[in-house]
Protein backbone atom coordinates (compact mmCIF):
# COMPACT_ATOMS: atom_id res chain seq x y z
CA UNK A 1 -0.13 -0.02 0.20
CA UNK A 2 0.75 3.53 -0.82
CA UNK A 3 2.43 5.71 2.56
CA UNK A 4 1.65 9.38 2.44
CA UNK A 5 2.82 11.29 5.72
CA UNK A 6 0.96 12.46 8.02
CA UNK A 7 1.98 16.07 6.68
CA UNK A 8 1.40 15.22 3.38
CA UNK A 9 -2.53 14.01 4.26
CA UNK A 10 -3.40 17.08 5.71
CA UNK A 11 -1.85 19.13 2.96
CA UNK A 12 -4.39 17.17 0.62
CA UNK A 13 -7.15 18.09 3.03
CA UNK A 14 -6.32 21.71 2.81
CA UNK A 15 -6.61 21.78 -1.27
CA UNK A 16 -9.37 19.41 -1.11
CA UNK A 17 -11.67 21.60 0.88
CA UNK A 18 -11.58 24.05 -1.80
CA UNK A 19 -13.94 21.82 -3.55
CA UNK A 20 -16.77 21.95 -0.96
CA UNK A 21 -19.28 24.48 -0.30
CA UNK A 22 -21.67 23.11 2.11
CA UNK A 23 -25.14 21.80 0.79
CA UNK A 24 -23.58 21.61 -2.20
CA UNK A 25 -22.45 18.37 -4.72
CA UNK A 26 -18.97 17.30 -4.15
CA UNK A 27 -17.59 15.31 -7.06
CA UNK A 28 -13.75 14.25 -6.10
CA UNK A 29 -11.62 11.29 -5.29
CA UNK A 30 -10.57 12.83 -2.39
CA UNK A 31 -11.92 12.97 1.63
CA UNK A 32 -13.94 15.10 3.50
CA UNK A 33 -12.67 18.12 4.60
CA UNK A 34 -13.85 16.89 8.18
CA UNK A 35 -12.78 13.05 7.53
CA UNK A 36 -9.41 14.23 6.51
CA UNK A 37 -8.79 16.03 9.79
CA UNK A 38 -10.24 13.44 11.74
CA UNK A 39 -8.00 10.98 10.18
CA UNK A 40 -4.92 13.27 11.62
CA UNK A 41 -6.66 13.26 15.15
CA UNK A 42 -7.12 9.22 14.93
CA UNK A 43 -3.75 8.18 13.90
CA UNK A 44 -1.91 9.92 16.86
CA UNK A 45 -4.59 7.89 18.64
CA UNK A 46 -3.49 4.66 17.03
CA UNK A 47 -0.34 5.90 17.68
CA UNK A 48 -0.33 5.82 21.74
CA UNK A 49 -2.61 2.57 21.59
CA UNK A 50 0.40 0.74 19.46
CA UNK A 51 3.16 1.80 22.39
CA UNK A 52 0.84 0.39 24.65
CA UNK A 53 0.95 -2.76 23.25
CA UNK A 54 4.49 -3.29 22.68
CA UNK A 55 4.35 -2.65 19.06
CA UNK A 56 7.20 0.65 18.03
CA UNK A 57 6.77 2.27 14.94
CA UNK A 58 7.35 6.10 13.87
CA UNK A 59 4.04 7.65 13.40
CA UNK A 60 4.13 7.54 9.45
CA UNK A 61 4.23 3.79 10.17
CA UNK A 62 0.89 3.96 11.99
CA UNK A 63 -1.52 1.16 9.64
CA UNK A 64 -5.23 2.31 8.43
CA UNK A 65 -6.89 -0.57 10.04
CA UNK A 66 -10.59 -1.02 8.93
CA UNK A 67 -13.07 -3.23 11.21
CA UNK A 68 -16.10 -4.27 8.75
CA UNK A 69 -19.31 -5.87 10.29
CA UNK A 70 -21.40 -7.70 7.82
CA UNK A 71 -25.42 -7.89 7.40
CA UNK A 72 -27.08 -10.87 9.49
CA UNK A 73 -30.20 -9.14 10.83
CA UNK A 74 -30.52 -9.09 14.60
CA UNK A 75 -27.80 -11.91 14.93
CA UNK A 76 -24.93 -9.24 13.23
CA UNK A 77 -25.98 -6.17 15.84
CA UNK A 78 -25.11 -8.46 18.78
CA UNK A 79 -22.31 -10.27 17.28
CA UNK A 80 -20.42 -6.93 16.74
CA UNK A 81 -21.60 -5.87 19.94
CA UNK A 82 -19.49 -8.87 21.37
CA UNK A 83 -17.14 -8.45 18.59
CA UNK A 84 -15.96 -5.20 19.85
CA UNK A 85 -16.30 -5.96 23.61
CA UNK A 86 -13.79 -7.75 23.73
CA UNK A 87 -11.48 -5.51 21.11
CA UNK A 88 -11.34 -3.35 23.62
CA UNK A 89 -10.51 -5.47 26.58
CA UNK A 90 -7.83 -7.02 24.25
CA UNK A 91 -6.91 -3.20 24.00
CA UNK A 92 -7.05 -3.50 20.01
CA UNK A 93 -10.55 -1.07 20.00
CA UNK A 94 -7.89 2.37 19.43
CA UNK A 95 -6.51 0.89 17.12
CA UNK A 96 -9.09 0.93 14.78
CA UNK A 97 -9.35 3.64 12.26
CA UNK A 98 -12.60 3.07 10.36
CA UNK A 99 -16.34 1.23 11.30
CA UNK A 100 -17.97 0.04 8.73
CA UNK A 101 -21.34 -1.51 8.60
CA UNK A 102 -23.80 -3.44 6.38
CA UNK A 103 -27.91 -3.94 7.35
CA UNK A 104 -27.65 -5.51 11.44
CA UNK A 105 -24.34 -4.05 12.05
CA UNK A 106 -25.73 -1.03 11.64
CA UNK A 107 -28.04 -1.51 14.24
CA UNK A 108 -25.27 -1.96 16.63
CA UNK A 109 -23.37 0.81 15.59
CA UNK A 110 -26.67 3.22 15.73
CA UNK A 111 -26.84 2.41 19.24
CA UNK A 112 -23.45 2.45 20.28
CA UNK A 113 -22.68 6.27 18.02
CA UNK A 114 -25.93 7.35 20.25
CA UNK A 115 -23.71 7.71 23.51
CA UNK A 116 -20.40 9.98 23.36
CA UNK A 117 -17.60 8.87 22.67
CA UNK A 118 -19.08 5.25 23.35
CA UNK A 119 -15.20 3.88 23.28
CA UNK A 120 -13.88 4.58 26.50
CA UNK A 121 -17.11 3.45 28.26
CA UNK A 122 -18.46 0.72 26.30
CA UNK A 123 -19.07 -1.85 28.99
CA UNK A 124 -21.43 0.61 30.22
CA UNK A 125 -23.09 1.58 27.31
CA UNK A 126 -23.03 -2.32 26.70
CA UNK A 127 -25.38 -2.93 29.49
CA UNK A 128 -27.08 0.09 28.53
CA UNK A 129 -27.97 -1.67 25.38
CA UNK A 130 -28.58 -5.36 26.40
CA UNK A 131 -31.14 -3.99 28.50
CA UNK A 132 -33.17 -2.23 25.72
CA UNK A 133 -33.06 -4.81 23.33
CA UNK A 134 -34.16 -7.76 26.30
CA UNK A 135 -36.99 -5.09 27.33
CA UNK A 136 -40.26 -4.03 25.89
CA UNK A 137 -40.91 -3.08 22.63
CA UNK A 138 -42.13 0.70 21.12
CA UNK A 139 -45.97 1.01 21.55
CA UNK A 140 -48.71 1.12 19.23
CA UNK A 141 -48.73 4.52 19.53
CA UNK A 142 -45.45 6.13 19.21
CA UNK A 143 -45.10 3.81 16.31
CA UNK A 144 -47.95 5.45 14.26
CA UNK A 145 -47.36 8.55 15.08
CA UNK A 146 -43.99 7.77 13.62
CA UNK A 147 -45.49 6.93 10.49
CA UNK A 148 -47.63 9.66 10.02
CA UNK A 149 -44.16 11.63 10.60
CA UNK A 150 -42.24 10.04 7.87
CA UNK A 151 -45.17 10.16 5.34
CA UNK A 152 -46.23 14.14 6.00
CA UNK A 153 -42.94 15.59 6.61
CA UNK A 154 -41.16 14.36 3.05
CA UNK A 155 -41.64 14.42 -0.57
CA UNK A 156 -40.99 9.90 -0.83
CA UNK A 157 -43.06 7.64 0.98
CA UNK A 158 -41.41 4.36 0.43
CA UNK A 159 -41.46 0.64 2.28
CA UNK A 160 -38.47 1.66 4.03
CA UNK A 161 -40.37 3.87 6.34
CA UNK A 162 -42.73 1.16 7.03
CA UNK A 163 -39.90 -1.64 7.88
CA UNK A 164 -38.46 1.30 9.88
CA UNK A 165 -41.49 1.59 12.01
CA UNK A 166 -42.94 -2.18 11.81
CA UNK A 167 -39.96 -4.57 11.58
CA UNK A 168 -36.73 -1.84 13.27
CA UNK A 169 -38.34 -1.41 15.87
CA UNK A 170 -39.11 -4.76 17.06
CA UNK A 171 -35.25 -5.10 17.08
CA UNK A 172 -33.85 -1.99 18.79
CA UNK A 173 -36.64 -1.39 20.54
CA UNK A 174 -36.52 2.49 20.42
CA UNK A 175 -37.35 4.98 17.54
CA UNK A 176 -34.05 7.29 16.95
CA UNK A 177 -34.72 10.75 16.07
CA UNK A 178 -31.18 11.66 16.26
CA UNK A 179 -29.98 12.74 13.13
CA UNK A 180 -26.47 11.07 12.01
CA UNK A 181 -24.16 14.49 11.60
CA UNK A 182 -25.61 15.77 14.66
CA UNK A 183 -23.95 13.21 16.65
CA UNK A 184 -20.27 13.68 15.66
CA UNK A 185 -19.01 15.98 17.46
CA UNK A 186 -19.32 14.34 20.43
CA UNK A 187 -17.41 11.50 19.29
CA UNK A 188 -13.87 12.61 19.48
CA UNK A 189 -11.91 9.13 20.79
CA UNK A 190 -14.48 6.92 18.26
CA UNK A 191 -13.52 5.05 15.19
CA UNK A 192 -15.11 6.89 12.21
CA UNK A 193 -18.15 5.44 11.09
CA UNK A 194 -19.80 4.53 7.71
CA UNK A 195 -23.02 2.92 6.83
CA UNK A 196 -23.35 1.63 3.97
CA UNK A 197 -26.48 0.96 0.94
CA UNK A 198 -26.42 0.41 -2.84
CA UNK A 199 -28.56 2.42 -5.70
CA UNK A 200 -30.77 -0.56 -6.60
CA UNK A 201 -30.87 1.10 -10.29
CA UNK A 202 -27.20 0.54 -10.60
CA UNK A 203 -27.73 -2.70 -9.02
CA UNK A 204 -30.26 -3.84 -11.88
CA UNK A 205 -27.35 -2.34 -14.69
CA UNK A 206 -25.20 -4.83 -14.97
CA UNK A 207 -22.15 -2.55 -16.69
CA UNK A 208 -22.25 0.15 -14.25
CA UNK A 209 -19.53 -0.58 -11.46
CA UNK A 210 -20.40 1.24 -8.67
CA UNK A 211 -23.72 0.48 -6.91
CA UNK A 212 -22.05 1.25 -3.65
CA UNK A 213 -23.47 3.88 -1.58
CA UNK A 214 -22.09 5.10 1.65
CA UNK A 215 -23.07 7.48 4.55
CA UNK A 216 -20.74 9.05 7.12
CA UNK A 217 -21.82 11.60 9.53
CA UNK A 218 -20.36 14.08 7.32
CA UNK A 219 -21.00 12.99 3.74
CA UNK A 220 -23.25 10.76 1.56
CA UNK A 221 -22.34 8.92 -2.06
CA UNK A 222 -21.14 6.79 -4.35
CA UNK A 223 -17.60 5.27 -2.88
CA UNK A 224 -15.88 4.49 -6.52
CA UNK A 225 -17.63 7.12 -8.52
CA UNK A 226 -16.50 9.87 -6.13
CA UNK A 227 -19.91 11.72 -5.87
CA UNK A 228 -21.10 13.04 -2.59
CA UNK A 229 -23.61 15.45 -0.65
CA UNK A 230 -23.19 16.54 3.04
CA UNK A 231 -25.44 13.74 5.00
CA UNK A 232 -27.57 16.38 6.16
CA UNK A 233 -28.98 17.24 2.33
CA UNK A 234 -28.97 13.87 1.77
CA UNK A 235 -33.05 13.36 0.89
CA UNK A 236 -32.79 16.82 -0.81
CA UNK A 237 -33.39 18.11 -4.21
CA UNK A 238 -30.48 18.94 -6.11
CA UNK A 239 -30.71 20.59 -9.58
CA UNK A 240 -27.37 20.92 -11.96
CA UNK A 241 -25.56 20.53 -8.43
CA UNK A 242 -27.23 23.20 -6.36
CA UNK A 243 -29.64 22.57 -3.32
CA UNK A 244 -33.42 23.17 -4.69
CA UNK A 245 -35.85 21.74 -2.44
CA UNK A 246 -34.81 20.82 0.88
CA UNK A 247 -35.98 18.34 3.26
CA UNK A 248 -35.09 16.74 6.52
CA UNK A 249 -32.37 14.85 7.06
CA UNK A 250 -32.87 11.19 7.82
CA UNK A 251 -33.17 10.64 11.53
CA UNK A 252 -31.20 6.91 12.72
CA UNK A 253 -34.39 5.11 12.84
CA UNK A 254 -35.07 5.24 8.88
CA UNK A 255 -31.30 5.14 8.68
CA UNK A 256 -31.19 1.29 9.98
CA UNK A 257 -34.09 0.47 8.20
CA UNK A 258 -32.80 1.84 4.90
CA UNK A 259 -29.06 -0.07 5.70
CA UNK A 260 -31.31 -3.40 6.98
CA UNK A 261 -34.33 -3.92 4.72
CA UNK A 262 -32.10 -7.22 3.60
CA UNK A 263 -35.70 -8.73 3.03
CA UNK A 264 -36.44 -5.72 -0.12
CA UNK A 265 -36.36 -9.20 -2.50
CA UNK A 266 -38.15 -12.23 -3.58
CA UNK A 267 -41.57 -13.83 -3.00
CA UNK A 268 -41.71 -15.00 0.10
CA UNK A 269 -40.60 -11.29 1.73
CA UNK A 270 -43.46 -9.79 -0.26
CA UNK A 271 -45.64 -12.49 1.20
CA UNK A 272 -44.54 -11.76 5.08
CA UNK A 273 -44.98 -8.08 3.98
CA UNK A 274 -48.09 -8.14 3.21
CA UNK A 275 -49.10 -10.45 5.76
CA UNK A 276 -47.25 -8.02 8.49
CA UNK A 277 -49.25 -5.10 6.77
CA UNK A 278 -52.56 -7.02 7.28
CA UNK A 279 -51.79 -7.17 10.90
CA UNK A 280 -50.85 -3.05 11.15
CA UNK A 281 -54.21 -2.21 9.17
CA UNK A 282 -56.51 -4.89 11.65
CA UNK A 283 -54.83 -3.45 14.56
CA UNK A 284 -54.47 -0.32 13.81
CA UNK A 285 -58.51 0.24 12.20
CA UNK A 286 -59.78 -1.54 15.56
CA UNK A 287 -57.93 1.38 17.50
CA UNK A 288 -59.15 3.58 15.29
CA UNK A 289 -62.79 2.38 16.10
CA UNK A 290 -62.20 2.87 19.69
CA UNK A 291 -60.80 5.85 19.81
CA UNK A 292 -62.29 7.77 16.57
CA UNK A 293 -59.70 10.36 14.98
CA UNK A 294 -60.42 13.66 15.32
CA UNK A 295 -59.45 13.85 11.26
CA UNK A 296 -62.21 10.75 10.22
CA UNK A 297 -65.20 12.51 12.75
CA UNK A 298 -64.76 15.51 10.99
CA UNK A 299 -64.36 14.52 7.33
CA UNK A 300 -67.57 14.25 5.88
CA UNK A 301 -66.83 10.86 4.75
CA UNK A 302 -65.94 8.88 8.08
CA UNK A 303 -69.42 6.95 7.84
CA UNK A 304 -67.68 5.40 4.61
CA UNK A 305 -64.46 4.72 6.51
CA UNK A 306 -65.64 0.89 7.24
CA UNK A 307 -65.71 0.53 3.67
CA UNK A 308 -62.46 1.82 2.06
CA UNK A 309 -61.16 -0.77 5.08
CA UNK A 310 -62.78 -3.96 3.70
CA UNK A 311 -61.63 -3.29 0.50
CA UNK A 312 -57.79 -2.52 1.74
CA UNK A 313 -57.88 -5.95 3.28
CA UNK A 314 -59.60 -7.73 0.16
CA UNK A 315 -56.51 -5.81 -1.58
CA UNK A 316 -54.31 -7.03 0.50
CA UNK A 317 -55.98 -10.69 0.46
CA UNK A 318 -55.97 -10.69 -3.48
CA UNK A 319 -52.14 -9.88 -3.09
CA UNK A 320 -51.40 -13.04 -1.15
CA UNK A 321 -53.65 -15.06 -2.83
CA UNK A 322 -51.63 -14.62 -5.90
CA UNK A 323 -48.75 -15.26 -4.50
CA UNK A 324 -49.44 -18.13 -2.92
CA UNK A 325 -51.02 -19.26 -6.01
CA UNK A 326 -55.12 -19.39 -4.95
CA UNK A 327 -57.33 -17.70 -7.33
CA UNK A 328 -58.59 -14.21 -5.86
CA UNK A 329 -61.83 -13.94 -7.64
CA UNK A 330 -63.95 -14.40 -4.84
CA UNK A 331 -61.88 -11.21 -3.60
CA UNK A 332 -62.47 -9.63 -6.37
CA UNK A 333 -66.25 -9.57 -6.58
CA UNK A 334 -65.95 -8.34 -3.27
CA UNK A 335 -64.12 -5.52 -3.86
CA UNK A 336 -66.11 -4.50 -6.83
CA UNK A 337 -69.48 -4.57 -4.60
CA UNK A 338 -67.88 -2.81 -1.89
CA UNK A 339 -66.92 0.13 -4.50
CA UNK A 340 -69.98 0.05 -6.16
CA UNK A 341 -71.50 0.94 -2.80
CA UNK A 342 -69.35 4.11 -2.03
CA UNK A 343 -69.90 5.38 -5.78
CA UNK A 344 -73.63 5.48 -5.55
CA UNK A 345 -73.94 2.74 -8.31
CA UNK A 346 -71.74 5.18 -10.97
CA UNK A 347 -70.21 3.96 -13.63
CA UNK A 348 -66.34 2.93 -11.84
CA UNK A 349 -63.25 1.84 -14.58
CA UNK A 350 -62.50 -1.78 -12.63
CA UNK A 351 -59.54 -3.85 -14.37
CA UNK A 352 -61.45 -6.39 -16.67
CA UNK A 353 -58.42 -8.90 -17.46
CA UNK A 354 -58.47 -12.11 -16.19
CA UNK A 355 -55.66 -13.63 -14.13
CA UNK A 356 -53.80 -16.15 -15.32
CA UNK A 357 -52.37 -18.40 -12.57
CA UNK A 358 -50.86 -20.88 -14.15
CA UNK A 359 -48.53 -17.89 -15.94
CA UNK A 360 -47.13 -16.69 -12.65
CA UNK A 361 -45.18 -13.73 -13.69
CA UNK A 362 -48.48 -12.71 -16.01
CA UNK A 363 -50.58 -13.18 -12.61
CA UNK A 364 -48.48 -10.57 -10.45
CA UNK A 365 -47.83 -8.06 -13.38
CA UNK A 366 -52.03 -7.95 -13.40
CA UNK A 367 -52.56 -7.99 -9.76
CA UNK A 368 -49.94 -5.60 -10.04
CA UNK A 369 -51.75 -3.26 -12.19
CA UNK A 370 -55.13 -4.25 -10.35
CA UNK A 371 -53.85 -2.78 -7.11
CA UNK A 372 -52.71 0.31 -8.51
CA UNK A 373 -56.06 1.11 -10.28
CA UNK A 374 -58.01 0.31 -6.76
CA UNK A 375 -55.77 2.57 -4.56
CA UNK A 376 -56.18 5.11 -7.39
CA UNK A 377 -60.07 4.71 -7.31
CA UNK A 378 -60.28 4.77 -3.06
CA UNK A 379 -57.74 7.91 -3.10
CA UNK A 380 -60.32 9.93 -4.98
CA UNK A 381 -62.69 9.41 -1.87
CA UNK A 382 -59.96 8.89 1.19
CA UNK A 383 -57.27 11.45 0.99
CA UNK A 384 -57.05 11.75 4.68
CA UNK A 385 -55.11 9.68 7.91
CA UNK A 386 -54.77 7.12 8.37
CA UNK A 387 -56.10 6.15 4.34
CA UNK A 388 -54.07 8.04 2.69
CA UNK A 389 -50.77 6.16 4.26
CA UNK A 390 -52.83 2.88 4.00
CA UNK A 391 -53.43 3.66 0.11
CA UNK A 392 -49.48 4.79 -0.37
CA UNK A 393 -48.54 1.82 1.45
CA UNK A 394 -50.35 -0.63 -0.81
CA UNK A 395 -49.30 1.17 -3.77
CA UNK A 396 -45.20 0.96 -2.82
CA UNK A 397 -45.98 -2.27 -2.17
CA UNK A 398 -46.83 -3.31 -5.96
CA UNK A 399 -44.50 -1.15 -7.48
CA UNK A 400 -42.13 -2.42 -4.74
CA UNK A 401 -40.45 0.73 -4.07
CA UNK A 402 -37.57 1.21 -0.91
CA UNK A 403 -35.55 4.00 0.28
CA UNK A 404 -36.71 6.61 -2.52
CA UNK A 405 -34.69 9.84 -2.56
CA UNK A 406 -34.21 13.08 -4.99
CA UNK A 407 -31.30 12.06 -7.02
CA UNK A 408 -28.45 14.58 -6.02
CA UNK A 409 -27.23 14.66 -9.45
CA UNK A 410 -29.56 15.27 -11.54
CA UNK A 411 -28.56 17.82 -14.31
CA UNK A 412 -25.44 18.27 -13.27
CA UNK A 413 -22.55 18.11 -16.62
CA UNK A 414 -19.87 16.11 -15.23
CA UNK A 415 -18.07 13.66 -17.67
CA UNK A 416 -16.14 11.66 -14.84
CA UNK A 417 -20.55 10.23 -13.81
CA UNK A 418 -21.75 7.65 -15.48
CA UNK A 419 -25.04 9.63 -17.22
CA UNK A 420 -27.85 7.40 -15.51
CA UNK A 421 -26.59 9.29 -12.51
CA UNK A 422 -27.51 12.52 -14.42
CA UNK A 423 -30.94 12.30 -15.91
CA UNK A 424 -33.02 9.87 -13.01
CA UNK A 425 -35.35 12.34 -10.53
CA UNK A 426 -35.08 9.90 -7.77
CA UNK A 427 -33.12 7.04 -7.04
CA UNK A 428 -33.82 4.10 -4.56
CA UNK A 429 -31.74 2.98 -1.77
CA UNK A 430 -31.78 -0.56 0.46
CA UNK A 431 -29.68 -3.07 1.83
CA UNK A 432 -25.81 -3.69 0.92
CA UNK A 433 -26.46 -7.46 1.74
CA UNK A 434 -28.75 -7.81 -1.88
CA UNK A 435 -25.75 -7.58 -3.37
CA UNK A 436 -22.25 -7.85 -1.02
CA UNK A 437 -23.32 -9.27 2.88
CA UNK A 438 -20.13 -7.03 3.95
CA UNK A 439 -18.63 -3.07 3.46
CA UNK A 440 -15.34 -3.24 1.83
CA UNK A 441 -16.26 -1.28 -0.91
CA UNK A 442 -16.62 1.69 1.51
CA UNK A 443 -13.10 1.29 2.70
CA UNK A 444 -11.46 -0.05 -0.31
CA UNK A 445 -11.18 3.83 -1.72
CA UNK A 446 -7.79 4.23 -2.63
CA UNK A 447 -7.79 7.79 -0.45
CA UNK A 448 -8.86 5.86 2.48
CA UNK A 449 -5.31 4.22 1.78
CA UNK A 450 -6.21 1.18 4.48
CA UNK A 451 -3.59 -1.51 5.01
CA UNK A 452 -5.40 -4.11 7.16
CA UNK A 453 -8.68 -5.35 7.15
CA UNK A 454 -10.77 -7.03 9.87
CA UNK A 455 -13.60 -8.65 8.36
CA UNK A 456 -16.56 -9.91 10.73
CA UNK A 457 -18.76 -11.99 9.16
CA UNK A 458 -22.09 -12.79 10.76
CA UNK A 459 -23.89 -14.32 7.41
CA UNK A 460 -25.88 -16.96 7.46
CA UNK A 461 -24.96 -19.81 4.93
CA UNK A 462 -21.48 -19.85 3.04
CA UNK A 463 -19.16 -18.41 5.50
CA UNK A 464 -16.82 -17.56 2.69
CA UNK A 465 -18.78 -16.11 0.34
CA UNK A 466 -18.35 -12.82 1.25
CA UNK A 467 -14.65 -12.14 1.36
CA UNK A 468 -15.07 -14.43 -2.27
CA UNK A 469 -16.77 -12.10 -3.79
CA UNK A 470 -15.01 -8.89 -2.53
CA UNK A 471 -11.69 -10.40 -4.38
CA UNK A 472 -13.79 -11.20 -7.53
CA UNK A 473 -15.59 -7.77 -7.71
CA UNK A 474 -11.48 -6.02 -7.04
CA UNK A 475 -10.51 -8.60 -9.96
CA UNK A 476 -12.59 -7.07 -12.30
CA UNK A 477 -12.23 -3.23 -10.96
CA UNK A 478 -8.87 -3.40 -10.81
CA UNK A 479 -8.65 -2.72 -7.28
CA UNK A 480 -5.70 -4.19 -5.03
CA UNK A 481 -6.98 -7.32 -2.80
CA UNK A 482 -5.38 -10.15 -2.12
CA UNK A 483 -6.45 -13.56 -3.61
CA UNK A 484 -8.75 -15.46 -1.63
CA UNK A 485 -8.05 -19.36 -1.49
CA UNK A 486 -9.99 -21.54 0.95
CA UNK A 487 -9.60 -25.36 1.94
CA UNK A 488 -12.84 -27.24 0.34
CA UNK A 489 -12.75 -29.11 3.66
CA UNK A 490 -13.27 -25.24 5.24
CA UNK A 491 -16.83 -24.37 3.40
CA UNK A 492 -19.08 -26.82 6.18
CA UNK A 493 -16.50 -26.37 9.47
CA UNK A 494 -14.27 -23.05 9.19
CA UNK A 495 -11.56 -21.87 11.39
CA UNK A 496 -12.05 -18.85 13.23
CA UNK A 497 -8.83 -16.99 11.82
CA UNK A 498 -7.76 -16.61 8.28
CA UNK A 499 -5.40 -13.92 7.06
CA UNK A 500 -5.27 -13.27 2.97
CA UNK A 501 -2.00 -11.02 1.94
CA UNK A 502 -1.28 -9.82 -1.60
CA UNK A 503 1.45 -7.89 -3.13
CA UNK A 504 0.58 -4.29 -2.76
CA UNK A 505 -2.69 -4.42 -1.30
CA UNK A 506 -4.40 -4.58 2.06
CA UNK A 507 -4.26 -7.38 4.48
CA UNK A 508 -7.54 -9.18 4.78
CA UNK A 509 -8.26 -11.24 8.18
CA UNK A 510 -11.77 -12.66 8.04
CA UNK A 511 -13.30 -14.02 10.74
CA UNK A 512 -16.44 -16.38 10.64
CA UNK A 513 -18.98 -16.00 13.84
CA UNK A 514 -20.05 -19.73 14.50
CA UNK A 515 -16.58 -21.76 13.75
CA UNK A 516 -15.22 -24.74 14.75
CA UNK A 517 -13.11 -23.58 17.63
CA UNK A 518 -16.18 -21.75 19.28
CA UNK A 519 -18.49 -24.14 18.82
CA UNK A 520 -17.16 -27.49 18.01
CA UNK A 521 -18.99 -29.59 16.38
CA UNK A 522 -22.11 -27.42 16.95
CA UNK A 523 -21.91 -25.41 13.71
CA UNK A 524 -25.44 -25.77 12.61
CA UNK A 525 -26.86 -25.95 15.71
CA UNK A 526 -25.56 -22.76 16.56
CA UNK A 527 -27.04 -21.63 13.33
CA UNK A 528 -30.04 -22.37 13.73
CA UNK A 529 -31.13 -21.24 17.03
CA UNK A 530 -29.51 -17.75 15.77
CA UNK A 531 -31.74 -16.95 12.48
CA UNK A 532 -31.35 -13.60 10.80
CA UNK A 533 -35.29 -12.84 11.30
CA UNK A 534 -36.97 -13.91 14.02
CA UNK A 535 -38.50 -13.03 17.53
CA UNK A 536 -36.42 -10.93 19.35
CA UNK A 537 -33.75 -12.48 21.05
CA UNK A 538 -34.16 -13.03 24.98
CA UNK A 539 -31.70 -10.83 27.31
CA UNK A 540 -29.70 -14.78 27.73
CA UNK A 541 -29.39 -15.43 24.06
CA UNK A 542 -28.32 -11.65 23.57
CA UNK A 543 -25.68 -12.55 26.59
CA UNK A 544 -24.66 -15.91 24.55
CA UNK A 545 -24.16 -14.97 21.64
CA UNK A 546 -21.95 -12.22 22.53
CA UNK A 547 -19.60 -14.63 24.46
CA UNK A 548 -19.43 -16.89 21.12
CA UNK A 549 -18.56 -13.64 19.21
CA UNK A 550 -16.01 -12.29 21.86
CA UNK A 551 -14.40 -15.83 21.70
CA UNK A 552 -13.31 -14.99 17.98
CA UNK A 553 -11.49 -11.97 19.33
CA UNK A 554 -10.13 -13.56 22.61
CA UNK A 555 -8.99 -16.67 21.63
CA UNK A 556 -7.05 -14.39 17.96
CA UNK A 557 -5.48 -11.19 20.20
CA UNK A 558 -2.12 -12.11 19.93
CA UNK A 559 -2.70 -13.03 15.96
CA UNK A 560 -4.08 -9.80 15.57
CA UNK A 561 -1.43 -8.16 17.29
CA UNK A 562 1.41 -9.68 14.65
CA UNK A 563 -0.76 -8.77 11.90
CA UNK A 564 -0.98 -5.25 13.00
CA UNK A 565 2.54 -5.81 13.70
CA UNK A 566 3.07 -6.85 10.14
CA UNK A 567 1.11 -3.86 9.12
CA UNK A 568 3.54 -1.50 10.43
CA UNK A 569 6.87 -2.94 9.27
CA UNK A 570 4.55 -3.19 5.69
CA UNK A 571 4.20 0.03 5.66
CA UNK A 572 7.55 1.03 6.83
CA UNK A 573 9.05 -0.40 3.20
CA UNK A 574 6.72 1.33 1.25
C-alpha cells in the first residue's frame, strides 16, 4: 500500500477543501475535509495504542485499520457488539480507524454512536444496550405517530418508512430520532463510522461498476464514482449541483431501515410483508374504531371508513392469494361490490383482465395493475389520515419502492459521472446485503489508504461468500485485493481466523462467527438457534451470542497483534 506522510495527508486535505461548499454536491476522489481532519487526529490515538501494545513505530508507519461488520439481522447486531467488547478488553479497539457496517451491523453502530465517546465506556454502554434490546418494544401509539410523521414530512414515502416503523423497531426497541450529522461532535475518541447501502437501479444495470453508496457523519455518496453530498442534505432535491428543495435529514431509525432492509427481495418477502401490513391495518383500524380519530370525525366521508378498510383488506388478501397461487376472484367480487356501494352505483373503471394463475409472471403483473387502479379509485374518496397512508403503502408494495430519494446528481454536467445518474429524478436505495453482505468497498476507496481490514462475518450460509465476492469484484474493477483461497473442507467447518495477503494490497483478516473453535461440532445448531430474522432474542440469548462472538477475538488476540505488527512493518518498507 502507499505511504503518504501525515503532513502530506493534511496538506492534501486543505487543498481538497476548496472543492467543498456546504450543502452542495462534491465530485472528487478525495476525503471530505472533516474526515481528513479526523483521520489526522485519530492516527495519533492509534499511535499511542500501538506503543502500549509494545508495537513500536514512527507516526508515519501507523497502519490504517478498518473493522467491517457484515449483515445478518439481529445476529449481526449482537455479534458485532460482542466482538467490540472483546476488542476493547484486548486493548485493540483504539487501533481501529474506521468502523463500517452492513444491515444488522449498522443497528449495533447506531446504538453505540448514541453515546458520546462510547469506546471509552463500552462496558456501561453494552449493559445499557442489552437492557433495551431485551426490554419492551415500541408502543403501537408511538409507532403510528412515527409513521404519520414520515408520511407527511417528506416528498418520498416508501416501504423503507414502513419497514422502519413495523420491523426495525421490533428489534432495536426504540425510535431513534437523532440525526447522523448532529451526533459526530460527541465522538472525538471513537472510530469513524461508515454506513452502507446500494443504489437499486445501479445494481440492476449489469454494466455499471458502482452501486456502493456510503453514508458517514459528513457526507453521503457513491464510494468509487466519487460523487457526494453533505449528509444533512441527502434526500433534498438538487438541480445541476445546487440545492433546489430542502428535505429534513433522515433520522437514525430511518437510516437503520435503509441499511437493514435485506428482505427487500423475493416472493417470500412479499408474502411476509403483506401479512405484516394486514396485521398492522387490522390493529390500527380496531384502535381507530375505539378512539375515533379527530381527522375522521370531521370528514364527511367518515361514515364510509369501514368500506374503505374492507377494500384495503380484500386487496391485501388478493395479493397474498396470487403470491400463493390461489384464485382471488371471490375477493375481486367483494371489492367490486363495496366500491359500487361507495360510488352510489356510478360507473367505475374496473380492471377487466382475467388472472391466469398458471403464468405466474403474468399474474403478478395483472395484480400489480389491479392494485394500482384500486388505490387510485380509493384515493379519490379517502385522502385523509390514516387511509391516505394505507393506500400509499399498498401502492408502494406492488411497485416495490424502497428507499426512494431525490437524485442529488440530476442535471449535472460531469463526464466522470455515469449518465444514468445525471438523468434520473429519483434513486432507490436498499440493503447492501442484497448485493454483497460486507462493506468492503466503503474502505477500499483509494483515498482511505487502508492497510489492514478485519472482517467480522455474521452472514447466514457460506461463511466465505463475502470475502470471495469482494476478491472477484476487485479483480474486475482493478482494485488491489489479496487472492482468496479457501480449503474445500473449511466451507462446512470454518476455522475462526483467516489471513489473506498480497503484493501492494491491504491485508484481509476474515473471521466467521460460528466456527469449529467456538462451536465445536455444533455449528449448524448455533446457526439454527440464531437465525437472521426471528422473534427478538431474549437477554440470555443476547449474552450467549455475545460471548460466542467475543471468543473469536479473545482466542485470536496474539494473531491480531501479529498482523497489526506486520502491517506496521509493511508500511515502513513502502
